[in-house]
């Protein structure tokens, strides 16, 4: 039986998907090892980075959930763990007491400051084989896949 262009594209799409997932796992494992050495998980690191970007206003839980790199089923529990570790603060909004805002605590900021250089070094090394043009092309392709 002769394969059609549709079959070929479907097989290549599956191969690309598997390669993307495997590559993501490989790239993440280096970052997760550094985070684990500092006592936090990838999702916790993501929350801290989101809150640093939202300083000084902070964000409600749903605002954090909307910005997460990967979906987290229980953002409240994730924030509770960061609160116990004194990495974040939680307080009622001044203008609307129904809204609870989460802000980066000084301890969380110090941790991020400590992690910035090692994480940047990991990414620099991971992408060192690619030219700037290749990285830009990859970003464009990945963003077009996200838009689906």
Protein backbone atom coordinates (compact mmCIF):
# COMPACT_ATOMS: atom_id res chain seq x y z
CA UNK A 1 0.00 0.00 0.00
CA UNK A 2 1.31 3.42 -0.96
CA UNK A 3 1.61 6.08 1.72
CA UNK A 4 -0.01 9.43 1.08
CA UNK A 5 1.43 12.85 1.93
CA UNK A 6 -1.19 12.98 4.71
CA UNK A 7 0.18 9.74 6.23
CA UNK A 8 3.75 11.04 5.97
CA UNK A 9 2.83 14.33 7.63
CA UNK A 10 0.96 12.50 10.39
CA UNK A 11 3.94 10.23 11.08
CA UNK A 12 6.36 13.16 11.05
CA UNK A 13 4.06 15.11 13.38
CA UNK A 14 4.05 12.19 15.83
CA UNK A 15 7.83 11.93 15.60
CA UNK A 16 8.18 15.69 16.17
CA UNK A 17 5.87 15.48 19.18
CA UNK A 18 7.87 12.67 20.78
CA UNK A 19 11.16 14.48 20.07
CA UNK A 20 9.78 17.69 21.62
CA UNK A 21 8.60 15.90 24.77
CA UNK A 22 11.90 14.02 25.14
CA UNK A 23 13.92 17.19 24.58
CA UNK A 24 11.78 19.10 27.08
CA UNK A 25 12.34 16.38 29.67
CA UNK A 26 16.08 16.45 29.05
CA UNK A 27 16.29 20.25 29.30
CA UNK A 28 14.10 20.40 32.39
CA UNK A 29 16.04 17.74 34.26
CA UNK A 30 19.10 20.00 34.51
CA UNK A 31 17.05 22.90 35.82
CA UNK A 32 15.11 20.68 38.24
CA UNK A 33 18.36 19.34 39.70
CA UNK A 34 19.44 22.90 40.58
CA UNK A 35 16.01 23.73 42.00
CA UNK A 36 15.94 20.52 44.07
CA UNK A 37 19.33 21.43 45.56
CA UNK A 38 17.67 24.66 46.79
CA UNK A 39 14.60 22.86 48.14
CA UNK A 40 11.98 23.91 45.60
CA UNK A 41 10.14 22.33 42.69
CA UNK A 42 9.76 23.57 39.14
CA UNK A 43 6.18 24.80 39.68
CA UNK A 44 7.23 26.61 42.89
CA UNK A 45 10.07 28.31 41.00
CA UNK A 46 7.59 29.30 38.32
CA UNK A 47 5.29 30.88 40.93
CA UNK A 48 8.19 32.84 42.44
CA UNK A 49 9.23 34.15 39.01
CA UNK A 50 5.64 35.12 38.19
CA UNK A 51 5.36 37.02 41.48
CA UNK A 52 8.68 38.80 40.89
CA UNK A 53 7.25 40.02 37.59
CA UNK A 54 4.08 41.19 39.35
CA UNK A 55 5.90 43.15 42.06
CA UNK A 56 4.90 45.12 44.03
CA UNK A 57 1.17 44.58 43.46
CA UNK A 58 1.24 40.78 43.60
CA UNK A 59 -1.48 38.63 42.08
CA UNK A 60 -4.55 36.67 43.14
CA UNK A 61 -4.23 32.87 42.91
CA UNK A 62 -6.09 32.73 39.60
CA UNK A 63 -3.77 35.34 38.11
CA UNK A 64 -0.82 33.15 39.05
CA UNK A 65 -2.52 30.03 37.68
CA UNK A 66 -3.17 31.80 34.36
CA UNK A 67 0.55 32.57 33.96
CA UNK A 68 1.96 29.16 34.90
CA UNK A 69 4.13 27.41 32.30
CA UNK A 70 2.42 24.09 33.00
CA UNK A 71 -1.03 23.64 34.45
CA UNK A 72 -1.13 22.92 38.18
CA UNK A 73 -4.30 21.25 39.46
CA UNK A 74 -4.23 22.93 42.88
CA UNK A 75 -2.52 26.32 42.79
CA UNK A 76 -3.74 27.10 46.31
CA UNK A 77 -1.89 24.12 47.79
CA UNK A 78 1.26 25.08 45.86
CA UNK A 79 1.07 28.61 47.24
CA UNK A 80 0.40 27.24 50.74
CA UNK A 81 3.72 25.34 50.59
CA UNK A 82 5.54 28.52 49.53
CA UNK A 83 3.79 30.39 52.34
CA UNK A 84 4.97 27.80 54.89
CA UNK A 85 8.51 28.21 53.54
CA UNK A 86 8.11 32.00 53.96
CA UNK A 87 8.81 32.55 50.24
CA UNK A 88 5.53 34.41 49.66
CA UNK A 89 3.03 36.48 51.63
CA UNK A 90 -0.74 36.38 51.29
CA UNK A 91 -2.99 39.28 52.22
CA UNK A 92 -6.43 40.67 51.50
CA UNK A 93 -6.62 43.26 48.76
CA UNK A 94 -6.97 46.81 50.09
CA UNK A 95 -9.69 47.80 47.61
CA UNK A 96 -11.63 44.51 47.50
CA UNK A 97 -11.46 42.38 50.65
CA UNK A 98 -12.81 39.35 48.75
CA UNK A 99 -9.57 39.21 46.76
CA UNK A 100 -6.48 37.66 48.32
CA UNK A 101 -3.19 38.79 46.80
CA UNK A 102 0.01 36.79 46.89
CA UNK A 103 3.29 38.69 46.93
CA UNK A 104 6.91 37.66 46.79
CA UNK A 105 8.48 37.69 50.26
CA UNK A 106 12.08 38.81 50.84
CA UNK A 107 13.16 35.18 51.31
CA UNK A 108 11.64 34.24 47.94
CA UNK A 109 13.37 37.18 46.27
CA UNK A 110 16.73 36.16 47.76
CA UNK A 111 16.26 32.63 46.47
CA UNK A 112 15.46 33.90 42.99
CA UNK A 113 18.51 36.17 43.09
CA UNK A 114 20.62 33.13 44.01
CA UNK A 115 19.13 31.03 41.20
CA UNK A 116 19.24 33.61 38.39
CA UNK A 117 22.88 33.07 37.34
CA UNK A 118 22.97 29.24 37.57
CA UNK A 119 19.71 28.88 35.66
CA UNK A 120 20.86 31.36 32.99
CA UNK A 121 24.12 29.40 32.67
CA UNK A 122 22.20 26.17 32.16
CA UNK A 123 20.06 27.71 29.41
CA UNK A 124 23.08 29.30 27.75
CA UNK A 125 24.84 25.92 27.66
CA UNK A 126 21.72 24.05 26.53
CA UNK A 127 21.27 26.33 23.51
CA UNK A 128 24.95 26.93 22.77
CA UNK A 129 24.86 24.74 19.63
CA UNK A 130 22.18 26.92 18.06
CA UNK A 131 22.69 30.25 16.35
CA UNK A 132 20.59 33.26 17.30
CA UNK A 133 18.68 32.78 14.05
CA UNK A 134 17.93 29.14 14.89
CA UNK A 135 16.72 30.08 18.36
CA UNK A 136 14.45 32.78 16.91
CA UNK A 137 13.10 30.34 14.30
CA UNK A 138 12.46 27.74 17.00
CA UNK A 139 10.61 30.30 19.12
CA UNK A 140 8.45 31.28 16.15
CA UNK A 141 7.59 27.64 15.44
CA UNK A 142 6.81 26.88 19.09
CA UNK A 143 4.62 29.98 19.42
CA UNK A 144 2.68 29.00 16.31
CA UNK A 145 2.02 25.58 17.86
CA UNK A 146 0.81 27.23 21.10
CA UNK A 147 -1.75 29.29 19.19
CA UNK A 148 -3.66 26.21 18.05
